[in-house]
Amino acid sequence: MGLQESVPELRLQLPAGRLLRLTNAECGVRNAESRTRMSWLEPPPDIPHSRMSHLLALALLAVDCVARAWRIQLATWTAGGRLSFSHAFRLNLYGEAASQLTPNRLGGEPARFLGLNEARLRPVTGIVAIGVEVACEWPVFLLVGAALFGYYVPDWRDAARTWLHRHRAGELVTVEIIALVVLVTVYLLQRLARAGFIRHRVRRQWRVAWAHVRRAPRWALGAGAVLTVVSIVARALILPALAWGMPGRPPFAQMFYGALALLHAPLVVPLPSGGGGLEVAFLNGFAGDFGPHQVTMLLLWRFYTAILLTGLGVYALVRSIGYRAAVEVFKIGWGKRREAQ
């Protein structure tokens, strides 16, 4: 057709029906070519965060919340009290919000103690329940630290052997000084308690609480430790769940251990929620390199692991005790207030 149009001598008389068919065929070829060119211009359909990944993240977050609610219920039962699941879930929301908004997560336990008081538990029972829960948590935290150390420092045995050969005398002196400081601190605390700097009622409540913690059944402490493991693992698995189906996703171990380390970093970083250090470490690939989706993965991961429960906890706490009292809870760990003149 194009050659006939350009050279008049080659024009042929074709029937109208055949000419129409040829014209339609040429238009179809041109449309196919244009669609091919447009397909190269358009970006490929890439949806890394599918609906399944969000459902998995929500399911893991629900497992985390349920495990922590059961743990505080078990600790309360061990202390001689009773706590409903709704109260347990609510006080954990209080603790999550206060932990995220205070340095070193210092506001978490006072906020949860406030929730125990709302459940009409006696102060001593509440202190015992929190003490039992802490006794279940810290052995697991030590195991988590050992697992992270073993993952990030695989050659720790050779490094420790070299360090001992080179720095034996000086480091032993440092260890002795640290032990001496700890002993002096314990001695001064005992003297202050005897001199009346710590109120007698507070000292008596803590003595009673510690006695109950020491008498707690071993199986209850073991069950609490298992629930702690379930809670920690479920929250650390949220990042691999968000990467479900993503092409070229990082290795599972890097995502899991990276998320595990970043989630517990606020315990040692003296700023609320890590003070932005978690975000910087994530963007630098500490928990994996997600390519162009790095920022998106950070926002989704922080939403499911921090923002969602913190928002619910702030709302529940303000609705329960009022705005001013909630602000006082969130000020824990920020230093002394200036008294009004």
C-alpha atoms as a PDB file:
ATOM      1  CA  MET A   1       0.000   0.000   0.000  1.00  0.00           C
ATOM      2  CA  GLY A   2       2.740   2.471   0.910  1.00  0.00           C
ATOM      3  CA  LEU A   3       4.708   1.658  -2.302  1.00  0.00           C
ATOM      4  CA  GLN A   4       1.618   2.164  -4.468  1.00  0.00           C
ATOM      5  CA  GLU A   5       0.978   5.533  -2.898  1.00  0.00           C
ATOM      6  CA  SER A   6       4.573   6.744  -3.493  1.00  0.00           C
ATOM      7  CA  VAL A   7       4.912   5.484  -7.129  1.00  0.00           C
ATOM      8  CA  PRO A   8       1.865   6.314  -9.250  1.00  0.00           C
ATOM      9  CA  GLU A   9       2.813   3.806 -12.046  1.00  0.00           C
ATOM     10  CA  LEU A  10       2.462   0.901  -9.601  1.00  0.00           C
ATOM     11  CA  ARG A  11      -1.067   1.697  -8.606  1.00  0.00           C
ATOM     12  CA  LEU A  12      -3.434  -1.213  -9.170  1.00  0.00           C
ATOM     13  CA  GLN A  13      -7.163  -1.324  -9.245  1.00  0.00           C
ATOM     14  CA  LEU A  14      -8.225  -3.476  -6.282  1.00  0.00           C
ATOM     15  CA  PRO A  15     -11.731  -4.435  -5.269  1.00  0.00           C
ATOM     16  CA  ALA A  16     -13.206  -2.388  -2.461  1.00  0.00           C
ATOM     17  CA  GLY A  17     -13.544  -5.372  -0.081  1.00  0.00           C
ATOM     18  CA  ARG A  18      -9.926  -6.479  -0.534  1.00  0.00           C
ATOM     19  CA  LEU A  19      -8.710  -2.927  -0.143  1.00  0.00           C
ATOM     20  CA  LEU A  20     -10.634  -2.626   3.136  1.00  0.00           C
ATOM     21  CA  ARG A  21      -9.132  -5.886   4.437  1.00  0.00           C
ATOM     22  CA  LEU A  22      -5.607  -4.761   3.589  1.00  0.00           C
ATOM     23  CA  THR A  23      -6.193  -1.427   5.272  1.00  0.00           C
ATOM     24  CA  ASN A  24      -7.473  -3.082   8.454  1.00  0.00           C
ATOM     25  CA  ALA A  25      -4.483  -5.435   8.497  1.00  0.00           C
ATOM     26  CA  GLU A  26      -2.046  -2.545   8.166  1.00  0.00           C
ATOM     27  CA  CYS A  27      -3.778  -0.659  10.995  1.00  0.00           C
ATOM     28  CA  GLY A  28      -3.566  -3.755  13.193  1.00  0.00           C
ATOM     29  CA  VAL A  29       0.156  -4.066  12.577  1.00  0.00           C
ATOM     30  CA  ARG A  30       0.674  -0.393  13.395  1.00  0.00           C
ATOM     31  CA  ASN A  31      -1.365  -0.703  16.620  1.00  0.00           C
ATOM     32  CA  ALA A  32       0.644  -3.744  17.685  1.00  0.00           C
ATOM     33  CA  GLU A  33       3.899  -1.887  17.045  1.00  0.00           C
ATOM     34  CA  SER A  34       2.678   1.121  19.018  1.00  0.00           C
ATOM     35  CA  ARG A  35       1.628  -1.111  21.928  1.00  0.00           C
ATOM     36  CA  THR A  36       5.057  -2.760  21.879  1.00  0.00           C
ATOM     37  CA  ARG A  37       6.779   0.626  22.002  1.00  0.00           C
ATOM     38  CA  MET A  38       4.490   1.795  24.836  1.00  0.00           C
ATOM     39  CA  SER A  39       5.187  -1.406  26.806  1.00  0.00           C
ATOM     40  CA  TRP A  40       8.896  -0.585  26.686  1.00  0.00           C
ATOM     41  CA  LEU A  41       8.219   2.980  27.852  1.00  0.00           C
ATOM     42  CA  GLU A  42       5.961   2.011  30.759  1.00  0.00           C
ATOM     43  CA  PRO A  43       7.573   0.656  33.950  1.00  0.00           C
ATOM     44  CA  PRO A  44       7.034  -3.055  34.593  1.00  0.00           C
ATOM     45  CA  PRO A  45       4.308  -3.924  37.106  1.00  0.00           C
ATOM     46  CA  ASP A  46       6.253  -4.296  40.356  1.00  0.00           C
ATOM     47  CA  ILE A  47       4.174  -4.594  43.519  1.00  0.00           C
ATOM     48  CA  PRO A  48       6.524  -5.949  46.189  1.00  0.00           C
ATOM     49  CA  HIS A  49       4.142  -5.449  49.108  1.00  0.00           C
ATOM     50  CA  SER A  50       1.293  -7.744  48.270  1.00  0.00           C
ATOM     51  CA  ARG A  51      -1.842  -8.242  50.257  1.00  0.00           C
ATOM     52  CA  MET A  52      -0.458 -11.477  51.668  1.00  0.00           C
ATOM     53  CA  SER A  53       2.576  -9.692  53.132  1.00  0.00           C
ATOM     54  CA  HIS A  54       0.356  -7.230  54.992  1.00  0.00           C
ATOM     55  CA  LEU A  55      -1.869 -10.030  56.273  1.00  0.00           C
ATOM     56  CA  LEU A  56       1.194 -11.898  57.518  1.00  0.00           C
ATOM     57  CA  ALA A  57       2.500  -8.772  59.258  1.00  0.00           C
ATOM     58  CA  LEU A  58      -0.839  -8.193  60.985  1.00  0.00           C
ATOM     59  CA  ALA A  59      -1.038 -11.854  62.004  1.00  0.00           C
ATOM     60  CA  LEU A  60       2.460 -11.758  63.509  1.00  0.00           C
ATOM     61  CA  LEU A  61       1.634  -8.534  65.347  1.00  0.00           C
ATOM     62  CA  ALA A  62      -1.500 -10.191  66.730  1.00  0.00           C
ATOM     63  CA  VAL A  63       0.577 -13.181  67.904  1.00  0.00           C
ATOM     64  CA  ASP A  64       2.960 -10.775  69.641  1.00  0.00           C
ATOM     65  CA  CYS A  65       0.116  -8.959  71.432  1.00  0.00           C
ATOM     66  CA  VAL A  66      -1.625 -12.183  72.478  1.00  0.00           C
ATOM     67  CA  ALA A  67       1.613 -13.715  73.803  1.00  0.00           C
ATOM     68  CA  ARG A  68       2.376 -10.642  75.902  1.00  0.00           C
ATOM     69  CA  ALA A  69      -1.190 -10.507  77.229  1.00  0.00           C
ATOM     70  CA  TRP A  70      -1.022 -14.169  78.262  1.00  0.00           C
ATOM     71  CA  ARG A  71       2.372 -13.567  79.888  1.00  0.00           C
ATOM     72  CA  ILE A  72       1.133 -10.774  82.157  1.00  0.00           C
ATOM     73  CA  GLN A  73      -1.992 -12.842  82.939  1.00  0.00           C
ATOM     74  CA  LEU A  74       0.241 -15.732  83.987  1.00  0.00           C
ATOM     75  CA  ALA A  75       2.449 -13.417  86.056  1.00  0.00           C
ATOM     76  CA  THR A  76      -0.603 -11.937  87.772  1.00  0.00           C
ATOM     77  CA  TRP A  77      -1.931 -15.397  88.549  1.00  0.00           C
ATOM     78  CA  THR A  78       1.481 -16.322  89.987  1.00  0.00           C
ATOM     79  CA  ALA A  79       1.283 -13.216  92.193  1.00  0.00           C
ATOM     80  CA  GLY A  80      -2.102 -14.311  93.545  1.00  0.00           C
ATOM     81  CA  GLY A  81      -4.344 -12.044  91.458  1.00  0.00           C
ATOM     82  CA  ARG A  82      -6.667 -12.304  88.498  1.00  0.00           C
ATOM     83  CA  LEU A  83      -6.469 -10.281  85.290  1.00  0.00           C
ATOM     84  CA  SER A  84      -8.830 -10.398  82.330  1.00  0.00           C
ATOM     85  CA  PHE A  85      -7.531 -10.551  78.786  1.00  0.00           C
ATOM     86  CA  SER A  86      -8.986  -7.139  77.914  1.00  0.00           C
ATOM     87  CA  HIS A  87      -7.166  -5.489  80.846  1.00  0.00           C
ATOM     88  CA  ALA A  88      -3.965  -7.330  79.936  1.00  0.00           C
ATOM     89  CA  PHE A  89      -4.189  -6.194  76.317  1.00  0.00           C
ATOM     90  CA  ARG A  90      -4.912  -2.593  77.343  1.00  0.00           C
ATOM     91  CA  LEU A  91      -2.067  -2.293  79.831  1.00  0.00           C
ATOM     92  CA  ASN A  92       0.347  -3.643  77.223  1.00  0.00           C
ATOM     93  CA  LEU A  93      -0.827  -0.869  74.895  1.00  0.00           C
ATOM     94  CA  TYR A  94      -0.048   1.610  77.698  1.00  0.00           C
ATOM     95  CA  GLY A  95       3.409   0.122  78.090  1.00  0.00           C
ATOM     96  CA  GLU A  96       4.094   0.110  74.351  1.00  0.00           C
ATOM     97  CA  ALA A  97       3.203   3.781  73.974  1.00  0.00           C
ATOM     98  CA  ALA A  98       5.210   4.873  77.015  1.00  0.00           C
ATOM     99  CA  SER A  99       8.196   2.736  75.980  1.00  0.00           C
ATOM    100  CA  GLN A 100       8.344   4.292  72.534  1.00  0.00           C
ATOM    101  CA  LEU A 101       8.050   7.868  73.831  1.00  0.00           C
ATOM    102  CA  THR A 102      10.512   7.748  76.755  1.00  0.00           C
ATOM    103  CA  PRO A 103      14.311   7.320  76.809  1.00  0.00           C
ATOM    104  CA  ASN A 104      15.583   3.760  77.238  1.00  0.00           C
ATOM    105  CA  ARG A 105      11.924   2.625  77.338  1.00  0.00           C
ATOM    106  CA  LEU A 106      11.802   3.772  80.984  1.00  0.00           C
ATOM    107  CA  GLY A 107       8.118   4.651  80.920  1.00  0.00           C
ATOM    108  CA  GLY A 108       6.936   1.180  79.963  1.00  0.00           C
ATOM    109  CA  GLU A 109       6.769  -0.458  83.379  1.00  0.00           C
ATOM    110  CA  PRO A 110       5.139   2.523  85.188  1.00  0.00           C
ATOM    111  CA  ALA A 111       2.495   2.704  82.471  1.00  0.00           C
ATOM    112  CA  ARG A 112       1.806  -1.001  82.738  1.00  0.00           C
ATOM    113  CA  PHE A 113       1.662  -0.712  86.526  1.00  0.00           C
ATOM    114  CA  LEU A 114      -0.971   1.975  85.998  1.00  0.00           C
ATOM    115  CA  GLY A 115      -2.929  -0.512  83.916  1.00  0.00           C
ATOM    116  CA  LEU A 116      -2.712  -3.073  86.697  1.00  0.00           C
ATOM    117  CA  ASN A 117      -4.120  -0.490  89.112  1.00  0.00           C
ATOM    118  CA  GLU A 118      -6.999   0.120  86.701  1.00  0.00           C
ATOM    119  CA  ALA A 119      -7.734  -3.601  86.909  1.00  0.00           C
ATOM    120  CA  ARG A 120      -8.176  -3.109  90.698  1.00  0.00           C
ATOM    121  CA  LEU A 121      -5.125  -5.108  91.717  1.00  0.00           C
ATOM    122  CA  ARG A 122      -3.350  -4.295  94.959  1.00  0.00           C
ATOM    123  CA  PRO A 123      -0.044  -2.397  94.510  1.00  0.00           C
ATOM    124  CA  VAL A 124       1.971  -5.265  95.997  1.00  0.00           C
ATOM    125  CA  THR A 125       0.283  -7.750  93.652  1.00  0.00           C
ATOM    126  CA  GLY A 126       1.021  -5.497  90.700  1.00  0.00           C
ATOM    127  CA  ILE A 127       4.672  -5.150  91.688  1.00  0.00           C
ATOM    128  CA  VAL A 128       4.976  -8.911  92.111  1.00  0.00           C
ATOM    129  CA  ALA A 129       3.364  -9.513  88.694  1.00  0.00           C
ATOM    130  CA  ILE A 130       5.759  -7.117  86.981  1.00  0.00           C
ATOM    131  CA  GLY A 131       8.672  -8.656  88.868  1.00  0.00           C
ATOM    132  CA  VAL A 132       7.701 -12.159  87.735  1.00  0.00           C
ATOM    133  CA  GLU A 133       7.384 -10.926  84.163  1.00  0.00           C
ATOM    134  CA  VAL A 134      10.799  -9.254  84.282  1.00  0.00           C
ATOM    135  CA  ALA A 135      12.263 -12.474  85.698  1.00  0.00           C
ATOM    136  CA  CYS A 136      10.846 -14.280  82.644  1.00  0.00           C
ATOM    137  CA  GLU A 137      12.108 -11.660  80.170  1.00  0.00           C
ATOM    138  CA  TRP A 138      15.715 -11.022  81.051  1.00  0.00           C
ATOM    139  CA  PRO A 139      17.061 -14.564  80.554  1.00  0.00           C
ATOM    140  CA  VAL A 140      15.515 -14.460  77.085  1.00  0.00           C
ATOM    141  CA  PHE A 141      17.095 -11.044  76.448  1.00  0.00           C
ATOM    142  CA  LEU A 142      20.475 -12.501  77.370  1.00  0.00           C
ATOM    143  CA  LEU A 143      19.928 -15.375  74.940  1.00  0.00           C
ATOM    144  CA  VAL A 144      18.936 -12.894  72.229  1.00  0.00           C
ATOM    145  CA  GLY A 145      22.123 -10.931  72.891  1.00  0.00           C
ATOM    146  CA  ALA A 146      24.169 -14.107  72.643  1.00  0.00           C
ATOM    147  CA  ALA A 147      22.449 -15.063  69.378  1.00  0.00           C
ATOM    148  CA  LEU A 148      23.096 -11.613  67.890  1.00  0.00           C
ATOM    149  CA  PHE A 149      26.707 -11.742  69.033  1.00  0.00           C
ATOM    150  CA  GLY A 150      27.169 -15.174  67.478  1.00  0.00           C
ATOM    151  CA  TYR A 151      25.610 -13.998  64.189  1.00  0.00           C
ATOM    152  CA  TYR A 152      27.450 -10.700  63.801  1.00  0.00           C
ATOM    153  CA  VAL A 153      30.776 -11.850  65.285  1.00  0.00           C
ATOM    154  CA  PRO A 154      31.267 -15.358  63.875  1.00  0.00           C
ATOM    155  CA  ASP A 155      35.000 -15.391  64.679  1.00  0.00           C
ATOM    156  CA  TRP A 156      34.562 -14.261  68.283  1.00  0.00           C
ATOM    157  CA  ARG A 157      36.647 -17.118  69.685  1.00  0.00           C
ATOM    158  CA  ASP A 158      39.759 -16.156  67.739  1.00  0.00           C
ATOM    159  CA  ALA A 159      39.213 -12.468  68.523  1.00  0.00           C
ATOM    160  CA  ALA A 160      38.783 -13.212  72.239  1.00  0.00           C
ATOM    161  CA  ARG A 161      41.935 -15.335  72.287  1.00  0.00           C
ATOM    162  CA  THR A 162      43.953 -12.548  70.600  1.00  0.00           C
ATOM    163  CA  TRP A 163      42.482  -9.916  72.922  1.00  0.00           C
ATOM    164  CA  LEU A 164      43.396 -11.913  76.024  1.00  0.00           C
ATOM    165  CA  HIS A 165      46.965 -12.418  74.810  1.00  0.00           C
ATOM    166  CA  ARG A 166      47.465  -8.701  74.134  1.00  0.00           C
ATOM    167  CA  HIS A 167      45.478  -6.974  76.900  1.00  0.00           C
ATOM    168  CA  ARG A 168      45.424  -9.375  79.815  1.00  0.00           C
ATOM    169  CA  ALA A 169      46.858  -7.235  82.646  1.00  0.00           C
ATOM    170  CA  GLY A 170      45.214  -3.916  81.792  1.00  0.00           C
ATOM    171  CA  GLU A 171      41.769  -5.375  81.182  1.00  0.00           C
ATOM    172  CA  LEU A 172      41.848  -7.390  84.400  1.00  0.00           C
ATOM    173  CA  VAL A 173      42.423  -4.134  86.280  1.00  0.00           C
ATOM    174  CA  THR A 174      39.432  -2.631  84.463  1.00  0.00           C
ATOM    175  CA  VAL A 175      37.228  -5.574  85.459  1.00  0.00           C
ATOM    176  CA  GLU A 176      38.320  -5.242  89.075  1.00  0.00           C
ATOM    177  CA  ILE A 177      37.508  -1.511  89.061  1.00  0.00           C
ATOM    178  CA  ILE A 178      34.023  -2.174  87.644  1.00  0.00           C
ATOM    179  CA  ALA A 179      33.363  -4.822  90.301  1.00  0.00           C
ATOM    180  CA  LEU A 180      34.518  -2.390  93.006  1.00  0.00           C
ATOM    181  CA  VAL A 181      32.183   0.337  91.699  1.00  0.00           C
ATOM    182  CA  VAL A 182      29.246  -2.090  91.735  1.00  0.00           C
ATOM    183  CA  LEU A 183      29.976  -3.142  95.312  1.00  0.00           C
ATOM    184  CA  VAL A 184      30.297   0.481  96.467  1.00  0.00           C
ATOM    185  CA  THR A 185      26.990   1.332  94.773  1.00  0.00           C
ATOM    186  CA  VAL A 186      25.208  -1.529  96.519  1.00  0.00           C
ATOM    187  CA  TYR A 187      26.728  -0.487  99.844  1.00  0.00           C
ATOM    188  CA  LEU A 188      25.596   3.141  99.417  1.00  0.00           C
ATOM    189  CA  LEU A 189      22.073   2.065  98.484  1.00  0.00           C
ATOM    190  CA  GLN A 190      21.859  -0.023 101.636  1.00  0.00           C
ATOM    191  CA  ARG A 191      23.085   2.888 103.761  1.00  0.00           C
ATOM    192  CA  LEU A 192      20.581   5.268 102.164  1.00  0.00           C
ATOM    193  CA  ALA A 193      17.753   2.822 102.801  1.00  0.00           C
ATOM    194  CA  ARG A 194      18.728   2.443 106.453  1.00  0.00           C
ATOM    195  CA  ALA A 195      19.115   6.208 106.877  1.00  0.00           C
ATOM    196  CA  GLY A 196      15.545   6.829 105.735  1.00  0.00           C
ATOM    197  CA  PHE A 197      16.187   8.315 102.275  1.00  0.00           C
ATOM    198  CA  ILE A 198      13.950   5.607 100.831  1.00  0.00           C
ATOM    199  CA  ARG A 199      10.538   5.507 102.418  1.00  0.00           C
ATOM    200  CA  HIS A 200       9.878   2.540 104.696  1.00  0.00           C
ATOM    201  CA  ARG A 201       6.607   1.661 102.957  1.00  0.00           C
ATOM    202  CA  VAL A 202       8.276   1.506  99.541  1.00  0.00           C
ATOM    203  CA  ARG A 203      11.124  -0.645 100.891  1.00  0.00           C
ATOM    204  CA  ARG A 204       8.642  -2.993 102.541  1.00  0.00           C
ATOM    205  CA  GLN A 205       6.596  -3.386  99.352  1.00  0.00           C
ATOM    206  CA  TRP A 206       9.692  -4.161  97.310  1.00  0.00           C
ATOM    207  CA  ARG A 207      10.895  -6.714  99.882  1.00  0.00           C
ATOM    208  CA  VAL A 208       7.521  -8.453  99.822  1.00  0.00           C
ATOM    209  CA  ALA A 209       7.463  -8.369  96.018  1.00  0.00           C
ATOM    210  CA  TRP A 210      10.963  -9.824  95.709  1.00  0.00           C
ATOM    211  CA  ALA A 211      10.086 -12.580  98.177  1.00  0.00           C
ATOM    212  CA  HIS A 212       7.071 -13.538  96.054  1.00  0.00           C
ATOM    213  CA  VAL A 213       9.161 -13.514  92.878  1.00  0.00           C
ATOM    214  CA  ARG A 214      11.688 -15.864  94.451  1.00  0.00           C
ATOM    215  CA  ARG A 215       8.867 -18.229  95.446  1.00  0.00           C
ATOM    216  CA  ALA A 216       7.298 -18.270  91.979  1.00  0.00           C
ATOM    217  CA  PRO A 217       6.911 -21.778  90.482  1.00  0.00           C
ATOM    218  CA  ARG A 218       9.641 -22.732  88.051  1.00  0.00           C
ATOM    219  CA  TRP A 219       7.123 -23.912  85.481  1.00  0.00           C
ATOM    220  CA  ALA A 220       5.429 -20.503  85.526  1.00  0.00           C
ATOM    221  CA  LEU A 221       8.754 -18.758  84.914  1.00  0.00           C
ATOM    222  CA  GLY A 222       9.495 -21.242  82.121  1.00  0.00           C
ATOM    223  CA  ALA A 223       6.101 -20.673  80.504  1.00  0.00           C
ATOM    224  CA  GLY A 224       6.615 -16.931  80.730  1.00  0.00           C
ATOM    225  CA  ALA A 225      10.008 -17.311  79.069  1.00  0.00           C
ATOM    226  CA  VAL A 226       8.439 -19.342  76.237  1.00  0.00           C
ATOM    227  CA  LEU A 227       5.795 -16.655  75.710  1.00  0.00           C
ATOM    228  CA  THR A 228       8.570 -14.048  75.648  1.00  0.00           C
ATOM    229  CA  VAL A 229      10.370 -16.018  72.936  1.00  0.00           C
ATOM    230  CA  VAL A 230       7.150 -16.240  70.914  1.00  0.00           C
ATOM    231  CA  SER A 231       6.587 -12.482  71.272  1.00  0.00           C
ATOM    232  CA  ILE A 232      10.140 -11.529  70.270  1.00  0.00           C
ATOM    233  CA  VAL A 233      10.297 -13.935  67.317  1.00  0.00           C
ATOM    234  CA  ALA A 234       6.876 -12.851  66.026  1.00  0.00           C
ATOM    235  CA  ARG A 235       7.828  -9.186  66.013  1.00  0.00           C
ATOM    236  CA  ALA A 236      11.205  -9.888  64.394  1.00  0.00           C
ATOM    237  CA  LEU A 237       9.484 -11.896  61.637  1.00  0.00           C
ATOM    238  CA  ILE A 238       7.397  -8.900  60.566  1.00  0.00           C
ATOM    239  CA  LEU A 239      10.183  -7.589  58.318  1.00  0.00           C
ATOM    240  CA  PRO A 240      10.630 -10.892  56.409  1.00  0.00           C
ATOM    241  CA  ALA A 241       6.825 -11.068  56.127  1.00  0.00           C
ATOM    242  CA  LEU A 242       6.700  -7.622  54.515  1.00  0.00           C
ATOM    243  CA  ALA A 243       9.292  -8.805  51.980  1.00  0.00           C
ATOM    244  CA  TRP A 244       7.101 -11.777  51.041  1.00  0.00           C
ATOM    245  CA  GLY A 245       7.191 -12.252  47.273  1.00  0.00           C
ATOM    246  CA  MET A 246       9.606  -9.367  46.677  1.00  0.00           C
ATOM    247  CA  PRO A 247      12.037 -10.159  43.837  1.00  0.00           C
ATOM    248  CA  GLY A 248      15.652  -9.925  44.902  1.00  0.00           C
ATOM    249  CA  ARG A 249      14.834  -9.673  48.589  1.00  0.00           C
ATOM    250  CA  PRO A 250      17.706  -9.915  51.126  1.00  0.00           C
ATOM    251  CA  PRO A 251      18.533 -13.214  52.832  1.00  0.00           C
ATOM    252  CA  PHE A 252      16.139 -14.270  55.567  1.00  0.00           C
ATOM    253  CA  ALA A 253      18.851 -14.385  58.252  1.00  0.00           C
ATOM    254  CA  GLN A 254      19.954 -10.831  57.518  1.00  0.00           C
ATOM    255  CA  MET A 255      16.386  -9.502  57.769  1.00  0.00           C
ATOM    256  CA  PHE A 256      15.548 -11.501  60.898  1.00  0.00           C
ATOM    257  CA  TYR A 257      18.682 -10.730  62.914  1.00  0.00           C
ATOM    258  CA  GLY A 258      18.786  -7.147  61.681  1.00  0.00           C
ATOM    259  CA  ALA A 259      15.199  -6.549  62.790  1.00  0.00           C
ATOM    260  CA  LEU A 260      15.911  -8.313  66.091  1.00  0.00           C
ATOM    261  CA  ALA A 261      18.871  -6.047  66.811  1.00  0.00           C
ATOM    262  CA  LEU A 262      17.077  -2.842  65.790  1.00  0.00           C
ATOM    263  CA  LEU A 263      13.990  -3.660  67.867  1.00  0.00           C
ATOM    264  CA  HIS A 264      16.102  -3.981  71.028  1.00  0.00           C
ATOM    265  CA  ALA A 265      18.424  -1.057  70.301  1.00  0.00           C
ATOM    266  CA  PRO A 266      16.261   1.435  72.322  1.00  0.00           C
ATOM    267  CA  LEU A 267      17.203  -0.489  75.484  1.00  0.00           C
ATOM    268  CA  VAL A 268      20.754   0.856  75.191  1.00  0.00           C
ATOM    269  CA  VAL A 269      20.240   4.057  73.168  1.00  0.00           C
ATOM    270  CA  PRO A 270      19.235   6.871  75.592  1.00  0.00           C
ATOM    271  CA  LEU A 271      16.666   8.394  73.235  1.00  0.00           C
ATOM    272  CA  PRO A 272      12.994   7.598  72.560  1.00  0.00           C
ATOM    273  CA  SER A 273      12.604   4.920  69.868  1.00  0.00           C
ATOM    274  CA  GLY A 274      16.320   5.033  69.201  1.00  0.00           C
ATOM    275  CA  GLY A 275      16.350   8.753  68.391  1.00  0.00           C
ATOM    276  CA  GLY A 276      16.422   8.182  64.635  1.00  0.00           C
ATOM    277  CA  GLY A 277      19.378   5.828  64.828  1.00  0.00           C
ATOM    278  CA  LEU A 278      17.173   2.850  63.915  1.00  0.00           C
ATOM    279  CA  GLU A 279      16.011   4.561  60.747  1.00  0.00           C
ATOM    280  CA  VAL A 280      19.549   5.522  59.723  1.00  0.00           C
ATOM    281  CA  ALA A 281      20.809   1.979  60.318  1.00  0.00           C
ATOM    282  CA  PHE A 282      17.904   0.515  58.343  1.00  0.00           C
ATOM    283  CA  LEU A 283      18.442   2.856  55.401  1.00  0.00           C
ATOM    284  CA  ASN A 284      22.131   1.924  55.380  1.00  0.00           C
ATOM    285  CA  GLY A 285      21.188  -1.724  54.843  1.00  0.00           C
ATOM    286  CA  PHE A 286      21.657  -3.085  58.358  1.00  0.00           C
ATOM    287  CA  ALA A 287      18.572  -5.300  57.989  1.00  0.00           C
ATOM    288  CA  GLY A 288      19.011  -5.890  54.268  1.00  0.00           C
ATOM    289  CA  ASP A 289      19.261  -4.040  50.972  1.00  0.00           C
ATOM    290  CA  PHE A 290      15.793  -3.621  49.425  1.00  0.00           C
ATOM    291  CA  GLY A 291      16.992  -1.497  46.530  1.00  0.00           C
ATOM    292  CA  PRO A 292      14.551   1.232  45.418  1.00  0.00           C
ATOM    293  CA  HIS A 293      12.026   0.049  48.025  1.00  0.00           C
ATOM    294  CA  GLN A 294      14.291   0.767  51.010  1.00  0.00           C
ATOM    295  CA  VAL A 295      12.310   3.784  52.256  1.00  0.00           C
ATOM    296  CA  THR A 296       8.974   2.063  51.661  1.00  0.00           C
ATOM    297  CA  MET A 297      10.071  -0.987  53.611  1.00  0.00           C
ATOM    298  CA  LEU A 298      11.306   1.223  56.452  1.00  0.00           C
ATOM    299  CA  LEU A 299       7.976   3.049  56.675  1.00  0.00           C
ATOM    300  CA  LEU A 300       5.957  -0.167  56.588  1.00  0.00           C
ATOM    301  CA  TRP A 301       8.199  -1.915  59.110  1.00  0.00           C
ATOM    302  CA  ARG A 302       8.095   1.010  61.559  1.00  0.00           C
ATOM    303  CA  PHE A 303       4.328   1.274  61.119  1.00  0.00           C
ATOM    304  CA  TYR A 304       3.715  -2.348  62.086  1.00  0.00           C
ATOM    305  CA  THR A 305       6.364  -2.586  64.822  1.00  0.00           C
ATOM    306  CA  ALA A 306       6.019   0.816  66.497  1.00  0.00           C
ATOM    307  CA  ILE A 307       3.580   3.385  65.128  1.00  0.00           C
ATOM    308  CA  LEU A 308       0.391   1.306  65.121  1.00  0.00           C
ATOM    309  CA  LEU A 309       0.542   0.076  68.728  1.00  0.00           C
ATOM    310  CA  THR A 310       1.944   3.396  69.961  1.00  0.00           C
ATOM    311  CA  GLY A 311      -0.971   5.296  68.453  1.00  0.00           C
ATOM    312  CA  LEU A 312      -3.486   2.882  69.961  1.00  0.00           C
ATOM    313  CA  GLY A 313      -1.727   3.064  73.338  1.00  0.00           C
ATOM    314  CA  VAL A 314      -1.668   6.873  73.404  1.00  0.00           C
ATOM    315  CA  TYR A 315      -5.362   6.996  72.524  1.00  0.00           C
ATOM    316  CA  ALA A 316      -6.284   4.431  75.174  1.00  0.00           C
ATOM    317  CA  LEU A 317      -4.160   6.108  77.858  1.00  0.00           C
ATOM    318  CA  VAL A 318      -5.489   9.615  77.175  1.00  0.00           C
ATOM    319  CA  ARG A 319      -9.051   8.317  77.142  1.00  0.00           C
ATOM    320  CA  SER A 320      -8.505   6.492  80.427  1.00  0.00           C
ATOM    321  CA  ILE A 321      -6.595   8.972  82.623  1.00  0.00           C
ATOM    322  CA  GLY A 322      -6.831  12.231  80.701  1.00  0.00           C
ATOM    323  CA  TYR A 323      -4.397  14.273  78.656  1.00  0.00           C
ATOM    324  CA  ARG A 324      -2.434  15.871  81.513  1.00  0.00           C
ATOM    325  CA  ALA A 325      -1.850  12.627  83.389  1.00  0.00           C
ATOM    326  CA  ALA A 326      -0.826  10.876  80.163  1.00  0.00           C
ATOM    327  CA  VAL A 327       1.721  13.624  79.460  1.00  0.00           C
ATOM    328  CA  GLU A 328       3.210  13.076  82.927  1.00  0.00           C
ATOM    329  CA  VAL A 329       3.633   9.391  82.125  1.00  0.00           C
ATOM    330  CA  PHE A 330       5.356  10.227  78.845  1.00  0.00           C
ATOM    331  CA  LYS A 331       7.758  12.583  80.660  1.00  0.00           C
ATOM    332  CA  ILE A 332       9.327   9.729  82.643  1.00  0.00           C
ATOM    333  CA  GLY A 333      13.056   9.584  82.039  1.00  0.00           C
ATOM    334  CA  TRP A 334      13.351  13.110  80.628  1.00  0.00           C
ATOM    335  CA  GLY A 335      14.928  14.555  83.776  1.00  0.00           C
ATOM    336  CA  LYS A 336      13.575  16.635  86.646  1.00  0.00           C
ATOM    337  CA  ARG A 337      10.972  19.254  86.009  1.00  0.00           C
ATOM    338  CA  ARG A 338      11.467  22.823  87.107  1.00  0.00           C
ATOM    339  CA  GLU A 339       9.187  23.630  89.949  1.00  0.00           C
ATOM    340  CA  ALA A 340       6.800  26.503  89.422  1.00  0.00           C
ATOM    341  CA  GLN A 341       7.931  29.648  91.121  1.00  0.00           C
END
